[in-house]
Amino acid sequence: MKVLIVLTSHDQLGNTGRKTGFWLEELAAPYYTFKDAGVEVVMASPKGGQPPLDPKSNEPSFRTALTHRFEADVAANAQLANTVRLDSVSQADFDTVFYPGGHGPLWDLAEDAHSIALIESFIEAGKPVALVCHAPGVLRHVKAANGKPLVEGKQVTGFTNSEEEGVGLTKIVPFLVEDELKAKGGLYSKGPDWGSYVVTDGLLITGQNPASSSEAATVLMERLSA
């Protein structure tokens, strides 16, 4: 079994002068869910090479046993430093795809033609797609086979407006994930802020926030093993 993990290449938090990128827990948790199950993992990003880490995700209060494990894992870090370019990967080579969040994807992956086409091709091939936290926002331009938004009429979740307000970035992000999923016809639901909450609808698996990363990856693995 082979899983593609797609990470952001965007490192600027709007016009704040601060850095952003991917959220470490949202990579580390699924990475080890997959690796510990004996699954081959390939990482990709729009620009290839080392994707930017959101520095906040590496602050002590956000570290977990899995982020510590990842930081100490020489092989994992070598792989992260050499992500393949997103435009070089093909859905045909993978069983599924997982998108970690962080704020970065809202700027690049949400508008990336290769990402959009890749997700559409996974769905068309009957392969599940999982996205957590801000990453469900990358579905904003993804279409179903009928030409309508992929999320239209589907049960979905993602980073809540209240969680965005909690981190003080409501006015900084290009769009709010909750609002965008609803605007595209998604049947959006959410759990308590910062708690694990995962929704599955057909081939689409979405998680609300960083705490949802492990559960979303586990649900994805169960789906692949069914």
Protein backbone atom coordinates (compact mmCIF):
# COMPACT_ATOMS: atom_id res chain seq x y z
CA MET A 1 0.00 0.00 0.00
CA LYS A 2 1.23 3.47 -0.87
CA VAL A 3 0.05 6.82 0.54
CA LEU A 4 0.74 10.31 -0.80
CA ILE A 5 0.99 13.14 1.74
CA VAL A 6 0.62 16.60 0.19
CA LEU A 7 2.16 19.56 2.05
CA THR A 8 2.10 23.30 1.47
CA SER A 9 5.03 25.30 0.07
CA HIS A 10 3.63 28.64 1.30
CA ASP A 11 5.43 30.30 4.23
CA GLN A 12 3.99 33.84 4.51
CA LEU A 13 1.11 34.51 6.91
CA GLY A 14 -0.69 37.07 4.77
CA ASN A 15 0.71 40.57 5.23
CA THR A 16 1.66 40.08 8.90
CA GLY A 17 5.36 39.51 8.22
CA ARG A 18 5.06 36.28 10.20
CA LYS A 19 5.79 32.79 8.94
CA THR A 20 3.36 29.95 8.35
CA GLY A 21 3.46 26.57 6.63
CA PHE A 22 2.28 23.08 7.54
CA TRP A 23 1.30 22.10 11.09
CA LEU A 24 3.73 19.56 12.53
CA GLU A 25 1.23 17.39 14.43
CA GLU A 26 -0.91 17.10 11.31
CA LEU A 27 2.04 15.55 9.50
CA ALA A 28 3.55 13.52 12.33
CA ALA A 29 0.34 11.82 13.50
CA PRO A 30 -0.75 10.45 10.10
CA TYR A 31 2.84 9.72 9.09
CA TYR A 32 3.23 7.23 11.94
CA THR A 33 -0.28 5.87 11.53
CA PHE A 34 0.78 4.91 8.02
CA LYS A 35 4.39 3.89 8.69
CA ASP A 36 3.52 1.77 11.72
CA ALA A 37 1.01 -0.09 9.54
CA GLY A 38 3.76 -0.88 7.04
CA VAL A 39 2.47 1.57 4.43
CA GLU A 40 4.86 3.29 2.03
CA VAL A 41 4.68 7.08 2.34
CA VAL A 42 5.63 9.63 -0.32
CA MET A 43 5.58 13.35 0.47
CA ALA A 44 4.93 16.02 -2.16
CA SER A 45 4.59 19.81 -2.21
CA PRO A 46 4.02 22.39 -4.96
CA LYS A 47 7.66 23.51 -5.06
CA GLY A 48 9.26 20.24 -3.94
CA GLY A 49 12.14 20.10 -1.47
CA GLN A 50 11.74 21.24 2.15
CA PRO A 51 8.23 22.52 2.88
CA PRO A 52 7.95 25.33 5.45
CA LEU A 53 6.99 24.37 8.99
CA ASP A 54 4.62 26.69 10.80
CA PRO A 55 6.89 27.78 13.67
CA LYS A 56 3.96 27.94 16.10
CA SER A 57 3.34 24.23 15.63
CA ASN A 58 6.75 23.52 17.12
CA GLU A 59 6.18 25.54 20.28
CA PRO A 60 6.19 23.51 23.52
CA SER A 61 2.43 23.77 24.07
CA PHE A 62 1.72 22.16 20.68
CA ARG A 63 4.28 19.37 20.84
CA THR A 64 3.09 15.79 21.24
CA ALA A 65 4.76 12.41 21.62
CA LEU A 66 4.45 11.98 17.85
CA THR A 67 5.97 15.37 16.99
CA HIS A 68 8.91 14.52 19.27
CA ARG A 69 9.21 11.15 17.54
CA PHE A 70 9.19 12.82 14.15
CA GLU A 71 11.82 15.39 15.14
CA ALA A 72 14.14 12.57 16.26
CA ASP A 73 13.49 10.45 13.16
CA VAL A 74 16.41 10.95 10.78
CA ALA A 75 14.77 9.08 7.90
CA ALA A 76 11.50 11.00 8.24
CA ASN A 77 13.27 14.34 8.25
CA ALA A 78 15.37 13.38 5.24
CA GLN A 79 12.18 12.52 3.39
CA LEU A 80 10.56 15.79 4.45
CA ALA A 81 13.58 17.75 3.21
CA ASN A 82 13.19 16.18 -0.22
CA THR A 83 9.49 16.23 -1.03
CA VAL A 84 8.74 15.58 -4.68
CA ARG A 85 7.13 18.26 -6.82
CA LEU A 86 3.37 17.98 -6.81
CA ASP A 87 3.18 18.27 -10.59
CA SER A 88 5.32 15.13 -10.91
CA VAL A 89 3.00 12.73 -9.08
CA SER A 90 0.19 10.64 -10.49
CA GLN A 91 -2.86 9.30 -8.72
CA ALA A 92 -2.27 5.94 -10.46
CA ASP A 93 0.82 5.35 -8.28
CA PHE A 94 -1.02 5.64 -4.94
CA ASP A 95 -3.86 4.06 -3.00
CA THR A 96 -4.87 7.27 -1.26
CA VAL A 97 -3.85 10.85 -0.46
CA PHE A 98 -3.69 12.74 2.85
CA TYR A 99 -3.53 16.54 3.21
CA PRO A 100 -2.20 17.97 6.51
CA GLY A 101 -3.22 21.52 7.31
CA GLY A 102 -1.56 24.54 8.79
CA HIS A 103 -2.50 27.92 7.33
CA GLY A 104 -0.17 27.59 4.32
CA PRO A 105 -2.54 25.46 2.17
CA LEU A 106 -5.13 28.24 2.13
CA TRP A 107 -2.79 30.32 -0.04
CA ASP A 108 -1.17 27.77 -2.35
CA LEU A 109 -2.85 24.35 -2.43
CA ALA A 110 -6.36 25.83 -2.49
CA GLU A 111 -5.51 27.51 -5.80
CA ASP A 112 -3.07 24.93 -7.19
CA ALA A 113 -4.29 23.41 -10.48
CA HIS A 114 -2.21 20.25 -9.93
CA SER A 115 -3.68 19.73 -6.46
CA ILE A 116 -7.22 20.28 -7.72
CA ALA A 117 -6.75 17.84 -10.61
CA LEU A 118 -5.07 15.31 -8.34
CA ILE A 119 -7.94 15.22 -5.85
CA GLU A 120 -10.44 14.95 -8.69
CA SER A 121 -8.50 12.03 -10.16
CA PHE A 122 -8.38 10.18 -6.82
CA ILE A 123 -12.15 10.53 -6.41
CA GLU A 124 -12.78 9.51 -10.02
CA ALA A 125 -10.63 6.40 -9.47
CA GLY A 126 -12.64 5.45 -6.40
CA LYS A 127 -9.80 6.14 -3.98
CA PRO A 128 -10.37 7.87 -0.63
CA VAL A 129 -9.07 11.37 0.10
CA ALA A 130 -8.42 12.67 3.64
CA LEU A 131 -7.82 16.27 4.72
CA VAL A 132 -7.49 17.83 8.18
CA CYS A 133 -7.82 21.23 9.82
CA HIS A 134 -7.26 23.96 7.18
CA ALA A 135 -6.65 21.42 4.42
CA PRO A 136 -10.37 20.86 3.69
CA GLY A 137 -10.16 24.42 2.34
CA VAL A 138 -8.16 23.08 -0.61
CA LEU A 139 -11.42 21.52 -1.82
CA ARG A 140 -12.86 24.95 -2.67
CA HIS A 141 -12.29 24.58 -6.44
CA VAL A 142 -12.43 20.77 -6.67
CA LYS A 143 -15.28 19.51 -8.83
CA ALA A 144 -17.22 16.27 -8.86
CA ALA A 145 -17.76 14.35 -12.10
CA ASN A 146 -21.00 16.29 -12.65
CA GLY A 147 -19.10 19.59 -12.65
CA LYS A 148 -20.52 20.73 -9.33
CA PRO A 149 -18.36 21.39 -6.23
CA LEU A 150 -17.09 18.11 -4.80
CA VAL A 151 -18.31 19.01 -1.31
CA GLU A 152 -21.83 19.92 -2.44
CA GLY A 153 -24.29 17.77 -0.52
CA LYS A 154 -21.49 15.98 1.34
CA GLN A 155 -20.89 15.75 5.07
CA VAL A 156 -17.68 17.68 5.78
CA THR A 157 -15.79 19.41 8.56
CA GLY A 158 -12.72 21.60 8.87
CA PHE A 159 -11.17 24.33 11.01
CA THR A 160 -14.05 26.24 12.60
CA ASN A 161 -14.64 29.97 12.49
CA SER A 162 -14.41 30.03 16.29
CA GLU A 163 -11.07 28.20 16.22
CA GLU A 164 -9.77 30.71 13.67
CA GLU A 165 -11.01 33.50 15.89
CA GLY A 166 -9.26 31.82 18.81
CA VAL A 167 -5.89 32.07 17.05
CA GLY A 168 -6.62 35.65 15.98
CA LEU A 169 -6.33 35.12 12.23
CA THR A 170 -9.90 35.63 11.03
CA LYS A 171 -8.93 38.84 9.22
CA ILE A 172 -5.61 37.49 7.92
CA VAL A 173 -6.53 34.27 6.11
CA PRO A 174 -7.72 34.50 2.48
CA PHE A 175 -10.93 32.71 3.44
CA LEU A 176 -12.49 30.91 6.40
CA VAL A 177 -12.62 27.14 5.96
CA GLU A 178 -16.01 26.71 7.63
CA ASP A 179 -17.61 29.49 5.57
CA GLU A 180 -16.08 28.25 2.31
CA LEU A 181 -17.21 24.65 2.76
CA LYS A 182 -20.73 25.89 3.48
CA ALA A 183 -20.63 28.28 0.50
CA LYS A 184 -19.78 25.38 -1.80
CA GLY A 185 -22.79 23.42 -0.57
CA GLY A 186 -21.03 21.24 1.97
CA LEU A 187 -23.10 19.85 4.83
CA TYR A 188 -20.72 21.24 7.42
CA SER A 189 -20.67 20.03 11.01
CA LYS A 190 -18.23 20.43 13.89
CA GLY A 191 -17.37 19.17 17.32
CA PRO A 192 -16.07 21.15 20.31
CA ASP A 193 -13.21 23.51 19.48
CA TRP A 194 -9.80 21.80 19.62
CA GLY A 195 -11.27 18.32 20.14
CA SER A 196 -10.98 15.45 17.67
CA TYR A 197 -13.83 15.42 15.17
CA VAL A 198 -13.80 13.48 11.89
CA VAL A 199 -16.50 13.13 9.25
CA THR A 200 -16.68 10.56 6.46
CA ASP A 201 -18.90 10.80 3.39
CA GLY A 202 -18.18 8.31 0.65
CA LEU A 203 -14.56 8.71 -0.41
CA LEU A 204 -14.13 11.99 1.48
CA ILE A 205 -12.68 12.04 5.01
CA THR A 206 -12.28 15.39 6.76
CA GLY A 207 -10.96 16.30 10.21
CA GLN A 208 -11.64 19.51 12.09
CA ASN A 209 -8.30 20.48 13.64
CA PRO A 210 -4.84 19.25 14.70
CA ALA A 211 -6.33 16.96 17.36
CA SER A 212 -8.26 15.19 14.58
CA SER A 213 -5.13 14.15 12.67
CA SER A 214 -4.63 10.70 14.21
CA GLU A 215 -8.31 9.82 14.01
CA ALA A 216 -8.57 10.94 10.38
CA ALA A 217 -5.54 8.83 9.42
CA THR A 218 -6.93 5.84 11.33
CA VAL A 219 -10.29 6.18 9.60
CA LEU A 220 -8.48 6.37 6.27
CA MET A 221 -6.51 3.19 7.02
CA GLU A 222 -9.71 1.39 8.05
CA ARG A 223 -11.30 2.46 4.79
CA LEU A 224 -8.34 1.13 2.80
CA SER A 225 -8.40 -2.18 4.69
CA ALA A 226 -12.13 -2.72 4.31
